Amino acid sequence: MPNAMDFDWFHRYYRQRGVQGFRVIEETLGAYRLGGHSDNNFRDGFSANADILMENGTSRTLAILIRITYTMKHQLRRLI
């Protein structure tokens, strides 16, 4: 699950604290280029994210739909 550790942490944190556990800040904290490990292995990461969602109570159908949506978004971004 190395491709989804951040997602796992944020998902568990959100389930515990809800929206109140987050706040919006108006500054850039990081920037990433396409072509890195996560970008090149995005399918593994999105599959791991779906597994995390299901482990935490999301229905299999919804988790798969989310995975498909993110995959399509990622593929479209690469074309543009």
N, C-alpha and C. Protein backbone atom coordinates (compact mmCIF):
# COMPACT_ATOMS: atom_id res chain seq x y z
N MET A 1 0.80 -1.20 0.00
CA MET A 1 0.00 0.00 0.00
C MET A 1 0.85 1.27 0.00
N PRO A 2 2.11 1.23 -0.39
CA PRO A 2 2.93 2.45 -0.36
C PRO A 2 2.40 3.55 -1.26
N ASN A 3 1.62 3.21 -2.27
CA ASN A 3 1.08 4.23 -3.16
C ASN A 3 -0.13 4.94 -2.56
N ALA A 4 -0.59 4.53 -1.40
CA ALA A 4 -1.82 5.10 -0.85
C ALA A 4 -1.73 5.42 0.63
N MET A 5 -0.53 5.55 1.16
CA MET A 5 -0.41 5.81 2.60
C MET A 5 -1.03 7.14 3.00
N ASP A 6 -0.83 8.19 2.21
CA ASP A 6 -1.44 9.48 2.52
C ASP A 6 -2.96 9.37 2.49
N PHE A 7 -3.49 8.71 1.48
CA PHE A 7 -4.93 8.56 1.36
C PHE A 7 -5.48 7.82 2.57
N ASP A 8 -4.81 6.77 2.99
CA ASP A 8 -5.25 5.99 4.15
C ASP A 8 -5.30 6.88 5.39
N TRP A 9 -4.25 7.64 5.64
CA TRP A 9 -4.21 8.50 6.81
C TRP A 9 -5.31 9.55 6.76
N PHE A 10 -5.44 10.26 5.62
CA PHE A 10 -6.46 11.30 5.51
C PHE A 10 -7.86 10.72 5.64
N HIS A 11 -8.09 9.55 5.09
CA HIS A 11 -9.42 8.94 5.17
C HIS A 11 -9.75 8.59 6.62
N ARG A 12 -8.83 7.98 7.35
CA ARG A 12 -9.07 7.65 8.76
C ARG A 12 -9.26 8.90 9.60
N TYR A 13 -8.45 9.93 9.34
CA TYR A 13 -8.56 11.20 10.07
C TYR A 13 -9.92 11.84 9.82
N TYR A 14 -10.35 11.85 8.55
CA TYR A 14 -11.66 12.43 8.21
C TYR A 14 -12.79 11.67 8.90
N ARG A 15 -12.69 10.35 8.95
CA ARG A 15 -13.74 9.56 9.61
C ARG A 15 -13.81 9.88 11.10
N GLN A 16 -12.68 10.20 11.72
CA GLN A 16 -12.66 10.52 13.15
C GLN A 16 -13.11 11.95 13.43
N ARG A 17 -12.62 12.90 12.62
CA ARG A 17 -12.82 14.32 12.93
C ARG A 17 -13.81 15.04 12.03
N GLY A 18 -14.11 14.47 10.87
CA GLY A 18 -15.02 15.14 9.94
C GLY A 18 -14.39 16.39 9.34
N VAL A 19 -15.22 17.19 8.73
CA VAL A 19 -14.77 18.41 8.06
C VAL A 19 -14.11 19.37 9.06
N GLN A 20 -14.56 19.36 10.30
CA GLN A 20 -14.01 20.27 11.30
C GLN A 20 -12.53 20.02 11.58
N GLY A 21 -12.03 18.85 11.23
CA GLY A 21 -10.63 18.53 11.46
C GLY A 21 -9.69 19.13 10.42
N PHE A 22 -10.25 19.80 9.43
CA PHE A 22 -9.45 20.38 8.35
C PHE A 22 -9.70 21.88 8.28
N ARG A 23 -8.73 22.60 7.73
CA ARG A 23 -8.96 24.01 7.43
C ARG A 23 -8.21 24.36 6.15
N VAL A 24 -8.78 25.27 5.40
CA VAL A 24 -8.20 25.70 4.13
C VAL A 24 -7.14 26.75 4.41
N ILE A 25 -6.00 26.59 3.77
CA ILE A 25 -4.97 27.62 3.83
C ILE A 25 -4.69 28.10 2.41
N GLU A 26 -4.41 29.35 2.27
CA GLU A 26 -4.23 29.95 0.95
C GLU A 26 -2.76 30.07 0.59
N GLU A 27 -2.02 28.99 0.68
CA GLU A 27 -0.63 29.03 0.25
C GLU A 27 -0.22 27.67 -0.29
N THR A 28 0.69 27.68 -1.23
CA THR A 28 1.17 26.45 -1.84
C THR A 28 2.20 25.81 -0.92
N LEU A 29 1.99 24.56 -0.59
CA LEU A 29 2.92 23.85 0.30
C LEU A 29 3.85 22.92 -0.47
N GLY A 30 3.48 22.58 -1.68
CA GLY A 30 4.31 21.68 -2.46
C GLY A 30 3.86 21.67 -3.91
N ALA A 31 4.75 21.24 -4.77
CA ALA A 31 4.43 21.11 -6.19
C ALA A 31 5.11 19.85 -6.70
N TYR A 32 4.44 19.14 -7.55
CA TYR A 32 4.95 17.88 -8.06
C TYR A 32 4.88 17.86 -9.57
N ARG A 33 5.83 17.26 -10.18
CA ARG A 33 5.83 17.11 -11.63
C ARG A 33 5.23 15.77 -12.02
N LEU A 34 4.62 15.74 -13.18
CA LEU A 34 4.14 14.47 -13.72
C LEU A 34 5.36 13.63 -14.10
N GLY A 35 5.22 12.34 -14.00
CA GLY A 35 6.30 11.43 -14.39
C GLY A 35 7.01 10.79 -13.22
N GLY A 36 6.60 11.13 -12.00
CA GLY A 36 7.22 10.51 -10.82
C GLY A 36 6.60 9.15 -10.52
N HIS A 37 6.99 8.58 -9.40
CA HIS A 37 6.52 7.24 -9.02
C HIS A 37 5.00 7.17 -8.95
N SER A 38 4.38 8.10 -8.24
CA SER A 38 2.92 8.05 -8.08
C SER A 38 2.22 8.25 -9.41
N ASP A 39 2.75 9.11 -10.25
CA ASP A 39 2.13 9.35 -11.56
C ASP A 39 2.25 8.12 -12.45
N ASN A 40 3.42 7.52 -12.47
CA ASN A 40 3.64 6.35 -13.33
C ASN A 40 2.93 5.10 -12.82
N ASN A 41 2.61 5.06 -11.54
CA ASN A 41 1.95 3.90 -10.95
C ASN A 41 0.57 4.26 -10.41
N PHE A 42 -0.09 5.21 -11.08
CA PHE A 42 -1.36 5.71 -10.56
C PHE A 42 -2.43 4.63 -10.45
N ARG A 43 -2.42 3.65 -11.34
CA ARG A 43 -3.45 2.59 -11.25
C ARG A 43 -3.30 1.80 -9.94
N ASP A 44 -2.07 1.52 -9.54
CA ASP A 44 -1.84 0.81 -8.27
C ASP A 44 -2.36 1.65 -7.10
N GLY A 45 -2.06 2.95 -7.15
CA GLY A 45 -2.52 3.84 -6.08
C GLY A 45 -4.02 3.93 -6.00
N PHE A 46 -4.68 4.07 -7.15
CA PHE A 46 -6.14 4.19 -7.15
C PHE A 46 -6.79 2.88 -6.72
N SER A 47 -6.19 1.74 -7.08
CA SER A 47 -6.72 0.45 -6.61
C SER A 47 -6.56 0.32 -5.11
N ALA A 48 -5.41 0.75 -4.60
CA ALA A 48 -5.18 0.71 -3.15
C ALA A 48 -6.17 1.63 -2.44
N ASN A 49 -6.44 2.81 -3.02
CA ASN A 49 -7.43 3.72 -2.43
C ASN A 49 -8.80 3.06 -2.35
N ALA A 50 -9.20 2.35 -3.41
CA ALA A 50 -10.49 1.66 -3.40
C ALA A 50 -10.53 0.60 -2.30
N ASP A 51 -9.43 -0.13 -2.13
CA ASP A 51 -9.36 -1.13 -1.05
C ASP A 51 -9.51 -0.47 0.32
N ILE A 52 -8.85 0.68 0.50
CA ILE A 52 -8.94 1.41 1.78
C ILE A 52 -10.38 1.85 2.03
N LEU A 53 -11.03 2.37 1.01
CA LEU A 53 -12.43 2.78 1.17
C LEU A 53 -13.30 1.60 1.60
N MET A 54 -13.12 0.45 0.93
CA MET A 54 -13.93 -0.73 1.27
C MET A 54 -13.63 -1.23 2.68
N GLU A 55 -12.36 -1.19 3.08
CA GLU A 55 -11.99 -1.62 4.44
C GLU A 55 -12.63 -0.73 5.50
N ASN A 56 -12.97 0.49 5.12
CA ASN A 56 -13.56 1.44 6.07
C ASN A 56 -15.05 1.65 5.86
N GLY A 57 -15.70 0.71 5.17
CA GLY A 57 -17.15 0.71 5.12
C GLY A 57 -17.80 1.22 3.86
N THR A 58 -17.04 1.69 2.89
CA THR A 58 -17.63 2.14 1.63
C THR A 58 -18.02 0.91 0.82
N SER A 59 -19.16 0.99 0.16
CA SER A 59 -19.59 -0.16 -0.63
C SER A 59 -18.61 -0.42 -1.77
N ARG A 60 -18.52 -1.66 -2.18
CA ARG A 60 -17.61 -2.05 -3.26
C ARG A 60 -17.95 -1.29 -4.55
N THR A 61 -19.24 -1.16 -4.83
CA THR A 61 -19.67 -0.47 -6.06
C THR A 61 -19.21 0.98 -6.06
N LEU A 62 -19.41 1.69 -4.95
CA LEU A 62 -19.01 3.09 -4.87
C LEU A 62 -17.49 3.22 -4.94
N ALA A 63 -16.77 2.36 -4.25
CA ALA A 63 -15.30 2.41 -4.28
C ALA A 63 -14.77 2.21 -5.69
N ILE A 64 -15.37 1.29 -6.43
CA ILE A 64 -14.94 1.05 -7.81
C ILE A 64 -15.29 2.24 -8.70
N LEU A 65 -16.46 2.83 -8.51
CA LEU A 65 -16.84 4.01 -9.29
C LEU A 65 -15.88 5.18 -9.02
N ILE A 66 -15.48 5.34 -7.79
CA ILE A 66 -14.52 6.40 -7.44
C ILE A 66 -13.19 6.12 -8.13
N ARG A 67 -12.74 4.86 -8.08
CA ARG A 67 -11.48 4.49 -8.73
C ARG A 67 -11.53 4.77 -10.24
N ILE A 68 -12.62 4.39 -10.87
CA ILE A 68 -12.77 4.61 -12.31
C ILE A 68 -12.77 6.11 -12.62
N THR A 69 -13.47 6.90 -11.81
CA THR A 69 -13.53 8.34 -12.02
C THR A 69 -12.15 8.97 -11.93
N TYR A 70 -11.39 8.63 -10.90
CA TYR A 70 -10.05 9.18 -10.76
C TYR A 70 -9.12 8.72 -11.88
N THR A 71 -9.28 7.49 -12.32
CA THR A 71 -8.46 6.99 -13.44
C THR A 71 -8.75 7.77 -14.70
N MET A 72 -10.04 8.00 -14.99
CA MET A 72 -10.40 8.77 -16.18
C MET A 72 -9.88 10.21 -16.08
N LYS A 73 -10.02 10.82 -14.93
CA LYS A 73 -9.52 12.19 -14.73
C LYS A 73 -8.02 12.25 -14.97
N HIS A 74 -7.31 11.28 -14.44
CA HIS A 74 -5.85 11.23 -14.59
C HIS A 74 -5.46 11.07 -16.06
N GLN A 75 -6.13 10.17 -16.76
CA GLN A 75 -5.84 9.94 -18.16
C GLN A 75 -6.14 11.18 -19.00
N LEU A 76 -7.25 11.85 -18.73
CA LEU A 76 -7.60 13.07 -19.46
C LEU A 76 -6.58 14.17 -19.21
N ARG A 77 -6.12 14.30 -17.98
CA ARG A 77 -5.11 15.32 -17.67
C ARG A 77 -3.82 15.08 -18.44
N ARG A 78 -3.48 13.83 -18.65
CA ARG A 78 -2.26 13.51 -19.41
C ARG A 78 -2.40 13.88 -20.88
N LEU A 79 -3.64 13.85 -21.40
CA LEU A 79 -3.86 14.17 -22.81
C LEU A 79 -3.83 15.67 -23.08
N ILE A 80 -4.17 16.43 -22.08
CA ILE A 80 -4.27 17.90 -22.27
C ILE A 80 -2.92 18.56 -22.17
